[in-house]
Each structure stands twice: as C-alpha cells, then as structure tokens.
Amino acid sequence: MNKIIKLLALILLCEGVGFLGTIFTLPSIPTWYATLHKAPFNPPPWVFAPVWTTLYFLMGVSLFLILQKKLKKQRNFLVILFVAQLFLNIL
C-alpha cells in the first residue's frame, strides 16, 4: 500500500508541474501560437491536453521507478537529472 501512495504522490507532483507550465503558456495560445505557420501534419488543438497529461503521468511513473533502484549513487544521480528536467519543464 505504501508503494501505491508513493506512486500516486509522484504522479500528482509531475501533473502539478504540468499544470504550473500551463499557467504560463495558456495566455500565449490565442495570441502568439495562433499566428504561427504550422506544418500540415500539426495535430489539432484538442490533442495537446491528453498527450501532455499522459506524458506527465508517465514522468511520475518513471520517477517512481528511479526511486526503486537499489544502487544509491545511481539513484541520486538520476533523481538530480529528473528534478533538473522537471524544473526546466516549469520554465
């Protein structure tokens, strides 16, 4: 049960980071993003929310799997890399 709670907490953490990023990008969608010349294969706007939600969900799962590693030195390095990329996602 403890592992399930940890997994859910990490997923919520990553989804929260995604939500924070949305706060910064949402105002640019109708202005800046709408004026871009997009490729013909550009997906429709409704695709972005489920795809990003899924990506952040999988990021939470990957952090959970990283924390399950037995080798402390490897685990710490991977967590540092993960936190760095999560921070960059907020930016």
PDB file of N, CA and C in Angstrom:
ATOM      1  N   MET A   1       0.825  -1.196   0.000  1.00  0.00           N
ATOM      2  CA  MET A   1       0.000   0.000   0.000  1.00  0.00           C
ATOM      3  C   MET A   1       0.870   1.261   0.000  1.00  0.00           C
ATOM      4  N   ASN A   2       1.979   1.222   0.721  1.00  0.00           N
ATOM      5  CA  ASN A   2       2.884   2.367   0.807  1.00  0.00           C
ATOM      6  C   ASN A   2       3.428   2.736  -0.564  1.00  0.00           C
ATOM      7  N   LYS A   3       3.743   1.728  -1.392  1.00  0.00           N
ATOM      8  CA  LYS A   3       4.266   1.987  -2.729  1.00  0.00           C
ATOM      9  C   LYS A   3       3.214   2.654  -3.610  1.00  0.00           C
ATOM     10  N   ILE A   4       1.973   2.262  -3.451  1.00  0.00           N
ATOM     11  CA  ILE A   4       0.897   2.853  -4.248  1.00  0.00           C
ATOM     12  C   ILE A   4       0.728   4.328  -3.898  1.00  0.00           C
ATOM     13  N   ILE A   5       0.800   4.650  -2.627  1.00  0.00           N
ATOM     14  CA  ILE A   5       0.688   6.045  -2.193  1.00  0.00           C
ATOM     15  C   ILE A   5       1.861   6.862  -2.728  1.00  0.00           C
ATOM     16  N   LYS A   6       3.063   6.296  -2.664  1.00  0.00           N
ATOM     17  CA  LYS A   6       4.241   6.982  -3.192  1.00  0.00           C
ATOM     18  C   LYS A   6       4.098   7.204  -4.705  1.00  0.00           C
ATOM     19  N   LEU A   7       3.636   6.187  -5.418  1.00  0.00           N
ATOM     20  CA  LEU A   7       3.436   6.310  -6.861  1.00  0.00           C
ATOM     21  C   LEU A   7       2.427   7.409  -7.173  1.00  0.00           C
ATOM     22  N   LEU A   8       1.300   7.413  -6.478  1.00  0.00           N
ATOM     23  CA  LEU A   8       0.280   8.436  -6.704  1.00  0.00           C
ATOM     24  C   LEU A   8       0.796   9.834  -6.375  1.00  0.00           C
ATOM     25  N   ALA A   9       1.571   9.957  -5.307  1.00  0.00           N
ATOM     26  CA  ALA A   9       2.128  11.262  -4.935  1.00  0.00           C
ATOM     27  C   ALA A   9       3.091  11.771  -6.003  1.00  0.00           C
ATOM     28  N   LEU A  10       3.912  10.889  -6.553  1.00  0.00           N
ATOM     29  CA  LEU A  10       4.861  11.302  -7.585  1.00  0.00           C
ATOM     30  C   LEU A  10       4.146  11.667  -8.883  1.00  0.00           C
ATOM     31  N   ILE A  11       3.087  10.938  -9.200  1.00  0.00           N
ATOM     32  CA  ILE A  11       2.291  11.284 -10.383  1.00  0.00           C
ATOM     33  C   ILE A  11       1.646  12.646 -10.188  1.00  0.00           C
ATOM     34  N   LEU A  12       1.094  12.886  -9.004  1.00  0.00           N
ATOM     35  CA  LEU A  12       0.478  14.185  -8.727  1.00  0.00           C
ATOM     36  C   LEU A  12       1.512  15.310  -8.763  1.00  0.00           C
ATOM     37  N   LEU A  13       2.713  15.042  -8.287  1.00  0.00           N
ATOM     38  CA  LEU A  13       3.792  16.035  -8.345  1.00  0.00           C
ATOM     39  C   LEU A  13       4.069  16.419  -9.794  1.00  0.00           C
ATOM     40  N   CYS A  14       4.242  15.435 -10.646  1.00  0.00           N
ATOM     41  CA  CYS A  14       4.540  15.705 -12.056  1.00  0.00           C
ATOM     42  C   CYS A  14       3.361  16.367 -12.754  1.00  0.00           C
ATOM     43  N   GLU A  15       2.158  15.929 -12.467  1.00  0.00           N
ATOM     44  CA  GLU A  15       0.984  16.571 -13.060  1.00  0.00           C
ATOM     45  C   GLU A  15       0.867  18.021 -12.582  1.00  0.00           C
ATOM     46  N   GLY A  16       1.245  18.271 -11.337  1.00  0.00           N
ATOM     47  CA  GLY A  16       1.246  19.638 -10.810  1.00  0.00           C
ATOM     48  C   GLY A  16       2.227  20.525 -11.548  1.00  0.00           C
ATOM     49  N   VAL A  17       3.396  19.973 -11.862  1.00  0.00           N
ATOM     50  CA  VAL A  17       4.380  20.720 -12.647  1.00  0.00           C
ATOM     51  C   VAL A  17       3.803  21.041 -14.022  1.00  0.00           C
ATOM     52  N   GLY A  18       3.128  20.082 -14.614  1.00  0.00           N
ATOM     53  CA  GLY A  18       2.479  20.328 -15.901  1.00  0.00           C
ATOM     54  C   GLY A  18       1.427  21.418 -15.799  1.00  0.00           C
ATOM     55  N   PHE A  19       0.686  21.423 -14.712  1.00  0.00           N
ATOM     56  CA  PHE A  19      -0.323  22.460 -14.508  1.00  0.00           C
ATOM     57  C   PHE A  19       0.333  23.826 -14.363  1.00  0.00           C
ATOM     58  N   LEU A  20       1.433  23.892 -13.622  1.00  0.00           N
ATOM     59  CA  LEU A  20       2.153  25.164 -13.477  1.00  0.00           C
ATOM     60  C   LEU A  20       2.622  25.682 -14.838  1.00  0.00           C
ATOM     61  N   GLY A  21       3.114  24.790 -15.668  1.00  0.00           N
ATOM     62  CA  GLY A  21       3.537  25.191 -17.002  1.00  0.00           C
ATOM     63  C   GLY A  21       2.385  25.720 -17.824  1.00  0.00           C
ATOM     64  N   THR A  22       1.202  25.145 -17.621  1.00  0.00           N
ATOM     65  CA  THR A  22       0.007  25.581 -18.342  1.00  0.00           C
ATOM     66  C   THR A  22      -0.346  27.024 -17.989  1.00  0.00           C
ATOM     67  N   ILE A  23      -0.154  27.389 -16.738  1.00  0.00           N
ATOM     68  CA  ILE A  23      -0.458  28.756 -16.304  1.00  0.00           C
ATOM     69  C   ILE A  23       0.361  29.761 -17.122  1.00  0.00           C
ATOM     70  N   PHE A  24       1.599  29.398 -17.429  1.00  0.00           N
ATOM     71  CA  PHE A  24       2.459  30.315 -18.169  1.00  0.00           C
ATOM     72  C   PHE A  24       2.212  30.277 -19.678  1.00  0.00           C
ATOM     73  N   THR A  25       1.829  29.124 -20.217  1.00  0.00           N
ATOM     74  CA  THR A  25       1.690  29.004 -21.669  1.00  0.00           C
ATOM     75  C   THR A  25       0.280  29.298 -22.184  1.00  0.00           C
ATOM     76  N   LEU A  26      -0.716  29.086 -21.358  1.00  0.00           N
ATOM     77  CA  LEU A  26      -2.101  29.260 -21.802  1.00  0.00           C
ATOM     78  C   LEU A  26      -2.392  30.641 -22.394  1.00  0.00           C
ATOM     79  N   PRO A  27      -1.899  31.725 -21.797  1.00  0.00           N
ATOM     80  CA  PRO A  27      -2.182  33.040 -22.389  1.00  0.00           C
ATOM     81  C   PRO A  27      -1.569  33.226 -23.786  1.00  0.00           C
ATOM     82  N   SER A  28      -0.528  32.481 -24.117  1.00  0.00           N
ATOM     83  CA  SER A  28       0.135  32.639 -25.419  1.00  0.00           C
ATOM     84  C   SER A  28      -0.554  31.872 -26.541  1.00  0.00           C
ATOM     85  N   ILE A  29      -1.431  30.965 -26.225  1.00  0.00           N
ATOM     86  CA  ILE A  29      -2.045  30.131 -27.269  1.00  0.00           C
ATOM     87  C   ILE A  29      -2.894  30.954 -28.239  1.00  0.00           C
ATOM     88  N   PRO A  30      -3.808  31.797 -27.753  1.00  0.00           N
ATOM     89  CA  PRO A  30      -4.626  32.537 -28.729  1.00  0.00           C
ATOM     90  C   PRO A  30      -3.873  33.680 -29.412  1.00  0.00           C
ATOM     91  N   THR A  31      -2.754  34.091 -28.861  1.00  0.00           N
ATOM     92  CA  THR A  31      -2.028  35.218 -29.452  1.00  0.00           C
ATOM     93  C   THR A  31      -0.838  34.735 -30.271  1.00  0.00           C
ATOM     94  N   TRP A  32       0.224  34.379 -29.617  1.00  0.00           N
ATOM     95  CA  TRP A  32       1.473  34.020 -30.286  1.00  0.00           C
ATOM     96  C   TRP A  32       1.355  32.705 -31.062  1.00  0.00           C
ATOM     97  N   TYR A  33       0.869  31.665 -30.402  1.00  0.00           N
ATOM     98  CA  TYR A  33       0.825  30.334 -31.038  1.00  0.00           C
ATOM     99  C   TYR A  33      -0.130  30.311 -32.231  1.00  0.00           C
ATOM    100  N   ALA A  34      -1.238  31.011 -32.135  1.00  0.00           N
ATOM    101  CA  ALA A  34      -2.231  31.009 -33.211  1.00  0.00           C
ATOM    102  C   ALA A  34      -1.690  31.660 -34.485  1.00  0.00           C
ATOM    103  N   THR A  35      -0.696  32.535 -34.335  1.00  0.00           N
ATOM    104  CA  THR A  35      -0.159  33.230 -35.518  1.00  0.00           C
ATOM    105  C   THR A  35       0.959  32.457 -36.214  1.00  0.00           C
ATOM    106  N   LEU A  36       1.420  31.376 -35.632  1.00  0.00           N
ATOM    107  CA  LEU A  36       2.494  30.599 -36.248  1.00  0.00           C
ATOM    108  C   LEU A  36       2.015  29.900 -37.514  1.00  0.00           C
ATOM    109  N   HIS A  37       2.904  29.792 -38.478  1.00  0.00           N
ATOM    110  CA  HIS A  37       2.619  28.994 -39.667  1.00  0.00           C
ATOM    111  C   HIS A  37       2.986  27.549 -39.329  1.00  0.00           C
ATOM    112  N   LYS A  38       1.985  26.701 -39.267  1.00  0.00           N
ATOM    113  CA  LYS A  38       2.189  25.316 -38.816  1.00  0.00           C
ATOM    114  C   LYS A  38       2.251  24.364 -40.002  1.00  0.00           C
ATOM    115  N   ALA A  39       2.938  23.265 -39.777  1.00  0.00           N
ATOM    116  CA  ALA A  39       3.038  22.223 -40.798  1.00  0.00           C
ATOM    117  C   ALA A  39       1.661  21.588 -41.013  1.00  0.00           C
ATOM    118  N   PRO A  40       1.435  21.038 -42.190  1.00  0.00           N
ATOM    119  CA  PRO A  40       0.130  20.399 -42.460  1.00  0.00           C
ATOM    120  C   PRO A  40      -0.184  19.234 -41.515  1.00  0.00           C
ATOM    121  N   PHE A  41       0.854  18.595 -40.994  1.00  0.00           N
ATOM    122  CA  PHE A  41       0.637  17.455 -40.099  1.00  0.00           C
ATOM    123  C   PHE A  41       0.534  17.864 -38.633  1.00  0.00           C
ATOM    124  N   ASN A  42       0.461  19.163 -38.363  1.00  0.00           N
ATOM    125  CA  ASN A  42       0.301  19.650 -36.998  1.00  0.00           C
ATOM    126  C   ASN A  42      -1.012  19.106 -36.418  1.00  0.00           C
ATOM    127  N   PRO A  43      -0.968  18.521 -35.216  1.00  0.00           N
ATOM    128  CA  PRO A  43      -2.203  17.958 -34.655  1.00  0.00           C
ATOM    129  C   PRO A  43      -3.200  19.056 -34.281  1.00  0.00           C
ATOM    130  N   PRO A  44      -4.466  18.716 -34.197  1.00  0.00           N
ATOM    131  CA  PRO A  44      -5.470  19.692 -33.791  1.00  0.00           C
ATOM    132  C   PRO A  44      -5.279  20.077 -32.315  1.00  0.00           C
ATOM    133  N   PRO A  45      -5.751  21.245 -31.921  1.00  0.00           N
ATOM    134  CA  PRO A  45      -5.525  21.731 -30.544  1.00  0.00           C
ATOM    135  C   PRO A  45      -6.028  20.793 -29.447  1.00  0.00           C
ATOM    136  N   TRP A  46      -7.118  20.056 -29.680  1.00  0.00           N
ATOM    137  CA  TRP A  46      -7.679  19.201 -28.630  1.00  0.00           C
ATOM    138  C   TRP A  46      -6.753  18.047 -28.266  1.00  0.00           C
ATOM    139  N   VAL A  47      -5.757  17.750 -29.090  1.00  0.00           N
ATOM    140  CA  VAL A  47      -4.853  16.625 -28.831  1.00  0.00           C
ATOM    141  C   VAL A  47      -3.852  16.947 -27.721  1.00  0.00           C
ATOM    142  N   PHE A  48      -3.495  18.217 -27.579  1.00  0.00           N
ATOM    143  CA  PHE A  48      -2.415  18.577 -26.676  1.00  0.00           C
ATOM    144  C   PHE A  48      -2.695  18.250 -25.209  1.00  0.00           C
ATOM    145  N   ALA A  49      -3.873  18.538 -24.714  1.00  0.00           N
ATOM    146  CA  ALA A  49      -4.168  18.283 -23.291  1.00  0.00           C
ATOM    147  C   ALA A  49      -4.033  16.810 -22.920  1.00  0.00           C
ATOM    148  N   PRO A  50      -4.652  15.865 -23.646  1.00  0.00           N
ATOM    149  CA  PRO A  50      -4.483  14.465 -23.252  1.00  0.00           C
ATOM    150  C   PRO A  50      -3.061  13.953 -23.431  1.00  0.00           C
ATOM    151  N   VAL A  51      -2.362  14.449 -24.445  1.00  0.00           N
ATOM    152  CA  VAL A  51      -0.991  13.983 -24.657  1.00  0.00           C
ATOM    153  C   VAL A  51      -0.079  14.483 -23.539  1.00  0.00           C
ATOM    154  N   TRP A  52      -0.166  15.759 -23.194  1.00  0.00           N
ATOM    155  CA  TRP A  52       0.685  16.287 -22.116  1.00  0.00           C
ATOM    156  C   TRP A  52       0.326  15.660 -20.779  1.00  0.00           C
ATOM    157  N   THR A  53      -0.955  15.441 -20.538  1.00  0.00           N
ATOM    158  CA  THR A  53      -1.366  14.785 -19.285  1.00  0.00           C
ATOM    159  C   THR A  53      -0.767  13.388 -19.206  1.00  0.00           C
ATOM    160  N   THR A  54      -0.802  12.656 -20.299  1.00  0.00           N
ATOM    161  CA  THR A  54      -0.217  11.311 -20.340  1.00  0.00           C
ATOM    162  C   THR A  54       1.292  11.367 -20.133  1.00  0.00           C
ATOM    163  N   LEU A  55       1.946  12.332 -20.772  1.00  0.00           N
ATOM    164  CA  LEU A  55       3.405  12.451 -20.616  1.00  0.00           C
ATOM    165  C   LEU A  55       3.795  12.727 -19.169  1.00  0.00           C
ATOM    166  N   TYR A  56       3.101  13.645 -18.508  1.00  0.00           N
ATOM    167  CA  TYR A  56       3.417  13.938 -17.109  1.00  0.00           C
ATOM    168  C   TYR A  56       3.073  12.758 -16.203  1.00  0.00           C
ATOM    169  N   PHE A  57       2.028  12.026 -16.518  1.00  0.00           N
ATOM    170  CA  PHE A  57       1.706  10.799 -15.787  1.00  0.00           C
ATOM    171  C   PHE A  57       2.873   9.813 -15.891  1.00  0.00           C
ATOM    172  N   LEU A  58       3.370   9.612 -17.106  1.00  0.00           N
ATOM    173  CA  LEU A  58       4.490   8.684 -17.315  1.00  0.00           C
ATOM    174  C   LEU A  58       5.769   9.183 -16.658  1.00  0.00           C
ATOM    175  N   MET A  59       5.932  10.493 -16.586  1.00  0.00           N
ATOM    176  CA  MET A  59       7.096  11.035 -15.869  1.00  0.00           C
ATOM    177  C   MET A  59       7.016  10.677 -14.384  1.00  0.00           C
ATOM    178  N   GLY A  60       5.821  10.756 -13.812  1.00  0.00           N
ATOM    179  CA  GLY A  60       5.649  10.365 -12.411  1.00  0.00           C
ATOM    180  C   GLY A  60       5.952   8.897 -12.195  1.00  0.00           C
ATOM    181  N   VAL A  61       5.522   8.059 -13.125  1.00  0.00           N
ATOM    182  CA  VAL A  61       5.821   6.625 -13.045  1.00  0.00           C
ATOM    183  C   VAL A  61       7.326   6.401 -13.162  1.00  0.00           C
ATOM    184  N   SER A  62       7.971   7.122 -14.057  1.00  0.00           N
ATOM    185  CA  SER A  62       9.420   6.934 -14.228  1.00  0.00           C
ATOM    186  C   SER A  62      10.181   7.374 -12.976  1.00  0.00           C
ATOM    187  N   LEU A  63       9.741   8.457 -12.333  1.00  0.00           N
ATOM    188  CA  LEU A  63      10.405   8.866 -11.082  1.00  0.00           C
ATOM    189  C   LEU A  63      10.209   7.794 -10.014  1.00  0.00           C
ATOM    190  N   PHE A  64       9.037   7.219  -9.948  1.00  0.00           N
ATOM    191  CA  PHE A  64       8.789   6.127  -9.001  1.00  0.00           C
ATOM    192  C   PHE A  64       9.751   4.964  -9.261  1.00  0.00           C
ATOM    193  N   LEU A  65       9.925   4.608 -10.531  1.00  0.00           N
ATOM    194  CA  LEU A  65      10.835   3.508 -10.876  1.00  0.00           C
ATOM    195  C   LEU A  65      12.286   3.856 -10.552  1.00  0.00           C
ATOM    196  N   ILE A  66      12.656   5.102 -10.751  1.00  0.00           N
ATOM    197  CA  ILE A  66      14.012   5.535 -10.392  1.00  0.00           C
ATOM    198  C   ILE A  66      14.230   5.364  -8.900  1.00  0.00           C
ATOM    199  N   LEU A  67      13.252   5.745  -8.101  1.00  0.00           N
ATOM    200  CA  LEU A  67      13.398   5.661  -6.647  1.00  0.00           C
ATOM    201  C   LEU A  67      13.423   4.220  -6.148  1.00  0.00           C
ATOM    202  N   GLN A  68      13.028   3.272  -6.987  1.00  0.00           N
ATOM    203  CA  GLN A  68      13.061   1.863  -6.605  1.00  0.00           C
ATOM    204  C   GLN A  68      14.443   1.241  -6.797  1.00  0.00           C
ATOM    205  N   LYS A  69      15.345   1.964  -7.469  1.00  0.00           N
ATOM    206  CA  LYS A  69      16.691   1.429  -7.731  1.00  0.00           C
ATOM    207  C   LYS A  69      17.425   1.188  -6.422  1.00  0.00           C
ATOM    208  N   LYS A  70      18.176   0.119  -6.401  1.00  0.00           N
ATOM    209  CA  LYS A  70      18.903  -0.262  -5.191  1.00  0.00           C
ATOM    210  C   LYS A  70      20.226   0.502  -5.030  1.00  0.00           C
ATOM    211  N   LEU A  71      20.876   0.811  -6.139  1.00  0.00           N
ATOM    212  CA  LEU A  71      22.169   1.488  -6.064  1.00  0.00           C
ATOM    213  C   LEU A  71      21.970   2.965  -5.766  1.00  0.00           C
ATOM    214  N   LYS A  72      22.360   3.376  -4.566  1.00  0.00           N
ATOM    215  CA  LYS A  72      22.091   4.726  -4.092  1.00  0.00           C
ATOM    216  C   LYS A  72      22.770   5.792  -4.955  1.00  0.00           C
ATOM    217  N   LYS A  73      24.013   5.541  -5.360  1.00  0.00           N
ATOM    218  CA  LYS A  73      24.739   6.539  -6.146  1.00  0.00           C
ATOM    219  C   LYS A  73      24.057   6.776  -7.492  1.00  0.00           C
ATOM    220  N   GLN A  74      23.672   5.712  -8.175  1.00  0.00           N
ATOM    221  CA  GLN A  74      22.956   5.834  -9.447  1.00  0.00           C
ATOM    222  C   GLN A  74      21.606   6.516  -9.245  1.00  0.00           C
ATOM    223  N   ARG A  75      20.904   6.107  -8.219  1.00  0.00           N
ATOM    224  CA  ARG A  75      19.580   6.652  -7.947  1.00  0.00           C
ATOM    225  C   ARG A  75      19.650   8.149  -7.699  1.00  0.00           C
ATOM    226  N   ASN A  76      20.606   8.585  -6.897  1.00  0.00           N
ATOM    227  CA  ASN A  76      20.739  10.007  -6.590  1.00  0.00           C
ATOM    228  C   ASN A  76      21.044  10.817  -7.849  1.00  0.00           C
ATOM    229  N   PHE A  77      21.918  10.305  -8.691  1.00  0.00           N
ATOM    230  CA  PHE A  77      22.253  10.993  -9.940  1.00  0.00           C
ATOM    231  C   PHE A  77      21.018  11.105 -10.833  1.00  0.00           C
ATOM    232  N   LEU A  78      20.261  10.020 -10.947  1.00  0.00           N
ATOM    233  CA  LEU A  78      19.061  10.028 -11.780  1.00  0.00           C
ATOM    234  C   LEU A  78      17.993  10.965 -11.230  1.00  0.00           C
ATOM    235  N   VAL A  79      17.859  11.033  -9.919  1.00  0.00           N
ATOM    236  CA  VAL A  79      16.884  11.944  -9.308  1.00  0.00           C
ATOM    237  C   VAL A  79      17.293  13.396  -9.572  1.00  0.00           C
ATOM    238  N   ILE A  80      18.581  13.688  -9.487  1.00  0.00           N
ATOM    239  CA  ILE A  80      19.054  15.046  -9.786  1.00  0.00           C
ATOM    240  C   ILE A  80      18.731  15.413 -11.231  1.00  0.00           C
ATOM    241  N   LEU A  81      18.999  14.497 -12.152  1.00  0.00           N
ATOM    242  CA  LEU A  81      18.671  14.755 -13.559  1.00  0.00           C
ATOM    243  C   LEU A  81      17.166  14.943 -13.743  1.00  0.00           C
ATOM    244  N   PHE A  82      16.390  14.123 -13.083  1.00  0.00           N
ATOM    245  CA  PHE A  82      14.938  14.197 -13.213  1.00  0.00           C
ATOM    246  C   PHE A  82      14.415  15.527 -12.684  1.00  0.00           C
ATOM    247  N   VAL A  83      14.887  15.937 -11.516  1.00  0.00           N
ATOM    248  CA  VAL A  83      14.442  17.202 -10.925  1.00  0.00           C
ATOM    249  C   VAL A  83      14.860  18.373 -11.818  1.00  0.00           C
ATOM    250  N   ALA A  84      16.051  18.291 -12.416  1.00  0.00           N
ATOM    251  CA  ALA A  84      16.509  19.351 -13.314  1.00  0.00           C
ATOM    252  C   ALA A  84      15.581  19.463 -14.518  1.00  0.00           C
ATOM    253  N   GLN A  85      15.229  18.343 -15.132  1.00  0.00           N
ATOM    254  CA  GLN A  85      14.337  18.400 -16.295  1.00  0.00           C
ATOM    255  C   GLN A  85      12.936  18.817 -15.900  1.00  0.00           C
ATOM    256  N   LEU A  86      12.501  18.458 -14.694  1.00  0.00           N
ATOM    257  CA  LEU A  86      11.190  18.880 -14.230  1.00  0.00           C
ATOM    258  C   LEU A  86      11.162  20.394 -14.033  1.00  0.00           C
ATOM    259  N   PHE A  87      12.244  20.929 -13.490  1.00  0.00           N
ATOM    260  CA  PHE A  87      12.370  22.376 -13.323  1.00  0.00           C
ATOM    261  C   PHE A  87      12.345  23.076 -14.686  1.00  0.00           C
ATOM    262  N   LEU A  88      13.046  22.517 -15.648  1.00  0.00           N
ATOM    263  CA  LEU A  88      13.044  23.103 -16.995  1.00  0.00           C
ATOM    264  C   LEU A  88      11.660  23.036 -17.628  1.00  0.00           C
ATOM    265  N   ASN A  89      10.895  22.017 -17.304  1.00  0.00           N
ATOM    266  CA  ASN A  89       9.521  21.925 -17.804  1.00  0.00           C
ATOM    267  C   ASN A  89       8.659  23.055 -17.250  1.00  0.00           C
ATOM    268  N   ILE A  90       8.892  23.450 -16.020  1.00  0.00           N
ATOM    269  CA  ILE A  90       8.124  24.566 -15.442  1.00  0.00           C
ATOM    270  C   ILE A  90       8.459  25.850 -16.193  1.00  0.00           C
ATOM    271  N   LEU A  91       9.755  25.997 -16.504  1.00  0.00           N
ATOM    272  CA  LEU A  91      10.161  27.228 -17.207  1.00  0.00           C
ATOM    273  C   LEU A  91       9.570  27.264 -18.591  1.00  0.00           C
TER     274      LEU A  91
END
